[in-house]
Amino acid sequence: MTIEQNGYDLLAAEYYDIFHRTCRNFDAATAQALAKHPVSIPKEGLVLEVGCGRGRCKEFLGIDALRIVQLDSSRQMLGIKERESCYLRVHADAASVPLFDEQFAVVVGFLIDPFIGLNFFSEAYRLLRSRGLFLATTPTAEWGVSLRNELKIETSSARFLTKGGATIAVPSTLIPPNQIEEMLDHSGFHEILVTPHCLPKNTSPVSPDIQQVAEKKKIGIHELPIIHLITANKP
């Protein structure tokens, strides 16, 4: 999919609505993951938020807007009016960023499954300065592959049902944690940590896509890992 043919352009107007319960459940799991595993953000230097949507660095990490460069392959996502402020917005593919090497203290991405892979990890490494931090979340294969098999859809695609009843497929690669670690190591990162996180117990409403997989696995909805929190450092 080219950046001119981006399914997220069609989702941007409603992506952050409570109607998309799975995404809102991911938000809740992300907030809890960061509370359980606090991340030390460098106090100085630019922060690149990839696949930014409306921006989440202030919400989840408390980073000052003047430090943040927001990047997304969807023009409509970059154009969402109710968004976090930033220093600069860039329309580009996260795996091919038109910016110079070693400009950033942090590269961060919440839900990087549309572009996760060696190309993206290598690009993040290139963009980070020495001792820079890589921080990301991604849906778990344990949840997502099971769901997609049940729905009989491609395991490399996520399915969104819109408020108008349309179905939109977008790229979504789900990778087991050991393979994520291997790819980050291959890209040059060290101090790599990939941790699974479940839905917080006070979350409501719960996505039927999470309920369905939990029932299939015969576990509680709060026992099913739905995201991985990923941290790594550039030497």
Protein backbone atom coordinates (compact mmCIF):
# COMPACT_ATOMS: atom_id res chain seq x y z
CA MET A 1 0.00 0.00 0.00
CA THR A 2 1.46 3.39 -0.99
CA ILE A 3 0.98 6.46 1.15
CA GLU A 4 -1.40 7.73 -1.55
CA GLN A 5 -3.58 4.61 -1.04
CA ASN A 6 -3.83 4.57 2.72
CA GLY A 7 -6.78 2.89 4.43
CA TYR A 8 -6.26 5.11 7.46
CA ASP A 9 -7.31 8.09 5.33
CA LEU A 10 -10.78 6.52 5.30
CA LEU A 11 -10.72 5.88 9.06
CA ALA A 12 -9.26 9.15 10.30
CA ALA A 13 -12.55 10.95 10.95
CA GLU A 14 -13.75 8.27 13.37
CA TYR A 15 -10.62 6.35 14.41
CA TYR A 16 -10.57 7.83 17.93
CA ASP A 17 -14.28 7.34 18.55
CA ILE A 18 -15.37 4.98 21.34
CA PHE A 19 -17.17 3.05 18.57
CA HIS A 20 -13.78 1.47 17.79
CA ARG A 21 -13.64 -0.43 21.05
CA THR A 22 -10.58 -2.54 20.25
CA CYS A 23 -8.48 0.59 19.68
CA ARG A 24 -9.77 2.16 22.89
CA ASN A 25 -8.94 -1.07 24.75
CA PHE A 26 -5.42 -0.86 23.32
CA ASP A 27 -5.23 2.70 24.71
CA ALA A 28 -6.20 1.47 28.18
CA ALA A 29 -3.66 -1.36 28.03
CA THR A 30 -0.96 1.08 26.88
CA ALA A 31 -1.60 3.48 29.75
CA GLN A 32 -1.43 0.62 32.25
CA ALA A 33 1.71 -0.82 30.64
CA LEU A 34 3.53 2.52 30.94
CA ALA A 35 2.39 2.84 34.55
CA LYS A 36 3.74 -0.63 35.37
CA HIS A 37 6.95 -0.13 33.39
CA PRO A 38 7.84 3.57 33.63
CA VAL A 39 10.15 4.68 30.84
CA SER A 40 12.91 7.22 31.40
CA ILE A 41 12.53 9.74 28.58
CA PRO A 42 15.67 11.79 27.81
CA LYS A 43 15.12 15.32 29.09
CA GLU A 44 16.54 16.97 25.98
CA GLY A 45 16.39 16.36 22.25
CA LEU A 46 13.73 15.88 19.59
CA VAL A 47 11.17 13.07 19.73
CA LEU A 48 9.89 11.43 16.53
CA GLU A 49 6.41 9.93 16.86
CA VAL A 50 5.80 7.54 13.96
CA GLY A 51 2.32 6.49 12.87
CA CYS A 52 1.25 9.38 15.05
CA GLY A 53 -2.41 9.82 14.13
CA ARG A 54 -3.55 12.74 16.27
CA GLY A 55 -0.49 12.34 18.53
CA ARG A 56 -0.18 10.54 21.86
CA CYS A 57 3.25 11.59 23.22
CA LYS A 58 1.81 14.25 25.51
CA GLU A 59 -1.05 12.02 26.67
CA PHE A 60 0.98 8.89 27.38
CA LEU A 61 4.46 10.28 28.09
CA GLY A 62 4.02 13.94 29.06
CA ILE A 63 6.50 15.17 26.43
CA ASP A 64 6.53 18.87 25.61
CA ALA A 65 5.04 19.72 22.21
CA LEU A 66 8.10 21.74 21.12
CA ARG A 67 10.16 18.53 21.16
CA ILE A 68 7.79 16.41 19.08
CA VAL A 69 7.94 15.70 15.34
CA GLN A 70 4.80 13.83 14.25
CA LEU A 71 5.03 11.49 11.24
CA ASP A 72 2.26 9.56 9.51
CA SER A 73 1.69 8.02 6.08
CA SER A 74 -1.95 9.19 6.16
CA ARG A 75 -2.61 12.83 5.26
CA GLN A 76 -6.06 12.58 6.83
CA MET A 77 -4.59 11.36 10.13
CA LEU A 78 -2.13 14.26 10.08
CA GLY A 79 -5.05 16.59 9.40
CA ILE A 80 -7.20 15.60 12.39
CA LYS A 81 -8.10 18.94 13.98
CA GLU A 82 -8.40 17.79 17.58
CA ARG A 83 -4.79 16.71 18.00
CA GLU A 84 -1.74 17.16 20.16
CA SER A 85 0.45 20.12 19.34
CA CYS A 86 3.92 19.48 17.95
CA TYR A 87 6.99 21.18 16.50
CA LEU A 88 6.57 19.72 13.00
CA ARG A 89 4.36 17.31 11.07
CA VAL A 90 5.79 15.06 8.32
CA HIS A 91 3.86 13.03 5.75
CA ALA A 92 6.00 9.96 5.09
CA ASP A 93 6.36 6.20 5.42
CA ALA A 94 7.85 5.20 8.80
CA ALA A 95 10.21 2.79 7.01
CA SER A 96 11.53 5.51 4.68
CA VAL A 97 11.80 8.82 6.54
CA PRO A 98 13.10 11.86 4.61
CA LEU A 99 15.11 13.22 7.56
CA PHE A 100 18.81 13.24 8.39
CA ASP A 101 20.57 10.66 10.56
CA GLU A 102 20.85 10.86 14.35
CA GLN A 103 18.47 13.78 14.89
CA PHE A 104 16.30 12.26 17.62
CA ALA A 105 16.66 11.40 21.28
CA VAL A 106 13.55 9.20 21.09
CA VAL A 107 11.65 7.35 18.38
CA VAL A 108 8.22 6.34 19.63
CA GLY A 109 5.24 4.63 18.03
CA PHE A 110 1.96 3.47 19.52
CA LEU A 111 0.57 0.48 17.59
CA ILE A 112 3.32 0.05 15.01
CA ASP A 113 1.83 -3.08 13.42
CA PRO A 114 1.09 -1.33 10.07
CA PHE A 115 4.84 -0.94 9.41
CA ILE A 116 6.71 -3.13 11.92
CA GLY A 117 9.69 -5.01 10.48
CA LEU A 118 13.40 -4.83 9.78
CA ASN A 119 13.09 -1.83 7.46
CA PHE A 120 11.34 0.21 10.14
CA PHE A 121 13.64 -0.89 12.97
CA SER A 122 16.71 -0.06 10.86
CA GLU A 123 15.22 3.34 10.01
CA ALA A 124 14.51 4.04 13.69
CA TYR A 125 18.10 3.11 14.53
CA ARG A 126 19.41 5.46 11.82
CA LEU A 127 17.32 8.37 13.07
CA LEU A 128 18.27 7.97 16.73
CA ARG A 129 21.33 9.65 18.19
CA SER A 130 23.75 7.64 20.33
CA ARG A 131 22.11 6.44 23.57
CA GLY A 132 18.72 7.24 22.07
CA LEU A 133 15.54 5.44 23.15
CA PHE A 134 13.20 3.36 21.03
CA LEU A 135 9.71 2.91 22.52
CA ALA A 136 6.71 1.27 20.89
CA THR A 137 3.61 -0.84 21.32
CA THR A 138 2.15 -3.43 19.00
CA PRO A 139 -0.79 -5.85 19.21
CA THR A 140 0.16 -9.37 20.26
CA ALA A 141 0.18 -12.27 17.84
CA GLU A 142 -1.34 -14.36 20.65
CA TRP A 143 -4.49 -12.26 20.39
CA GLY A 144 -4.54 -11.06 16.80
CA VAL A 145 -3.63 -14.21 14.90
CA SER A 146 -6.25 -16.16 16.84
CA LEU A 147 -8.88 -13.55 16.03
CA ARG A 148 -8.03 -13.37 12.35
CA ASN A 149 -8.11 -17.14 12.03
CA GLU A 150 -11.58 -17.14 13.61
CA LEU A 151 -12.73 -14.35 11.25
CA LYS A 152 -11.09 -16.10 8.28
CA ILE A 153 -9.22 -12.97 7.17
CA GLU A 154 -5.60 -12.47 6.15
CA THR A 155 -3.31 -12.67 9.18
CA SER A 156 -1.35 -9.69 7.83
CA SER A 157 -4.40 -7.40 7.79
CA ALA A 158 -6.58 -5.73 10.40
CA ARG A 159 -10.28 -5.29 9.76
CA PHE A 160 -12.17 -2.14 10.74
CA LEU A 161 -15.94 -1.91 10.63
CA THR A 162 -16.89 1.76 10.22
CA LYS A 163 -19.80 3.56 11.83
CA GLY A 164 -21.41 3.61 8.38
CA GLY A 165 -21.19 -0.18 8.02
CA ALA A 166 -18.24 -0.37 5.61
CA THR A 167 -15.33 -2.78 6.11
CA ILE A 168 -11.81 -1.41 5.69
CA ALA A 169 -8.69 -3.58 5.70
CA VAL A 170 -5.32 -2.09 6.64
CA PRO A 171 -1.84 -3.66 6.88
CA SER A 172 -1.11 -5.18 10.29
CA THR A 173 1.79 -7.53 10.88
CA LEU A 174 1.79 -9.40 14.20
CA ILE A 175 5.16 -10.76 15.33
CA PRO A 176 5.99 -13.00 18.31
CA PRO A 177 8.12 -11.29 20.98
CA ASN A 178 11.23 -13.43 20.41
CA GLN A 179 11.25 -12.42 16.74
CA ILE A 180 10.80 -8.74 17.65
CA GLU A 181 13.82 -9.04 19.92
CA GLU A 182 15.84 -10.75 17.17
CA MET A 183 15.01 -8.03 14.63
CA LEU A 184 15.87 -5.22 17.03
CA ASP A 185 19.15 -6.92 17.88
CA HIS A 186 19.91 -7.40 14.18
CA SER A 187 19.23 -3.67 13.63
CA GLY A 188 21.85 -2.76 16.24
CA PHE A 189 19.77 -2.08 19.34
CA HIS A 190 20.63 -3.33 22.82
CA GLU A 191 18.90 -3.42 26.22
CA ILE A 192 15.85 -4.78 24.41
CA LEU A 193 12.72 -5.51 26.44
CA VAL A 194 9.39 -6.78 25.10
CA THR A 195 6.66 -7.21 27.71
CA PRO A 196 3.04 -8.45 27.27
CA HIS A 197 0.14 -6.50 28.75
CA CYS A 198 -3.54 -7.24 29.22
CA LEU A 199 -6.70 -5.19 29.43
CA PRO A 200 -7.03 -3.32 32.76
CA LYS A 201 -9.78 -4.70 34.97
CA ASN A 202 -11.75 -1.44 35.12
CA THR A 203 -11.99 -1.05 31.34
CA SER A 204 -15.45 -0.61 29.80
CA PRO A 205 -16.73 -1.32 27.25
CA VAL A 206 -14.69 -4.37 26.27
CA SER A 207 -14.21 -5.15 22.59
CA PRO A 208 -16.02 -8.28 21.38
CA ASP A 209 -12.85 -9.11 19.44
CA ILE A 210 -11.02 -9.47 22.76
CA GLN A 211 -13.90 -11.33 24.40
CA GLN A 212 -14.08 -13.79 21.51
CA VAL A 213 -10.42 -14.78 21.70
CA ALA A 214 -10.45 -15.02 25.51
CA GLU A 215 -13.46 -17.35 25.33
CA LYS A 216 -11.75 -19.45 22.66
CA LYS A 217 -8.66 -19.79 24.84
CA LYS A 218 -10.81 -20.38 27.95
CA ILE A 219 -9.21 -17.57 29.93
CA GLY A 220 -10.51 -14.32 31.39
CA ILE A 221 -10.53 -11.17 29.26
CA HIS A 222 -8.03 -9.64 31.69
CA GLU A 223 -5.66 -12.59 31.31
CA LEU A 224 -5.23 -12.29 27.54
CA PRO A 225 -2.15 -10.29 26.47
CA ILE A 226 -3.31 -7.82 23.82
CA ILE A 227 -0.28 -5.54 23.40
CA HIS A 228 3.49 -5.71 23.73
CA LEU A 229 5.42 -2.78 25.16
CA ILE A 230 8.79 -2.57 23.42
CA THR A 231 11.83 -0.62 24.63
CA ALA A 232 15.38 -0.65 23.30
CA ASN A 233 18.39 1.63 23.22
CA LYS A 234 20.93 2.64 20.61
CA PRO A 235 24.50 2.19 21.91
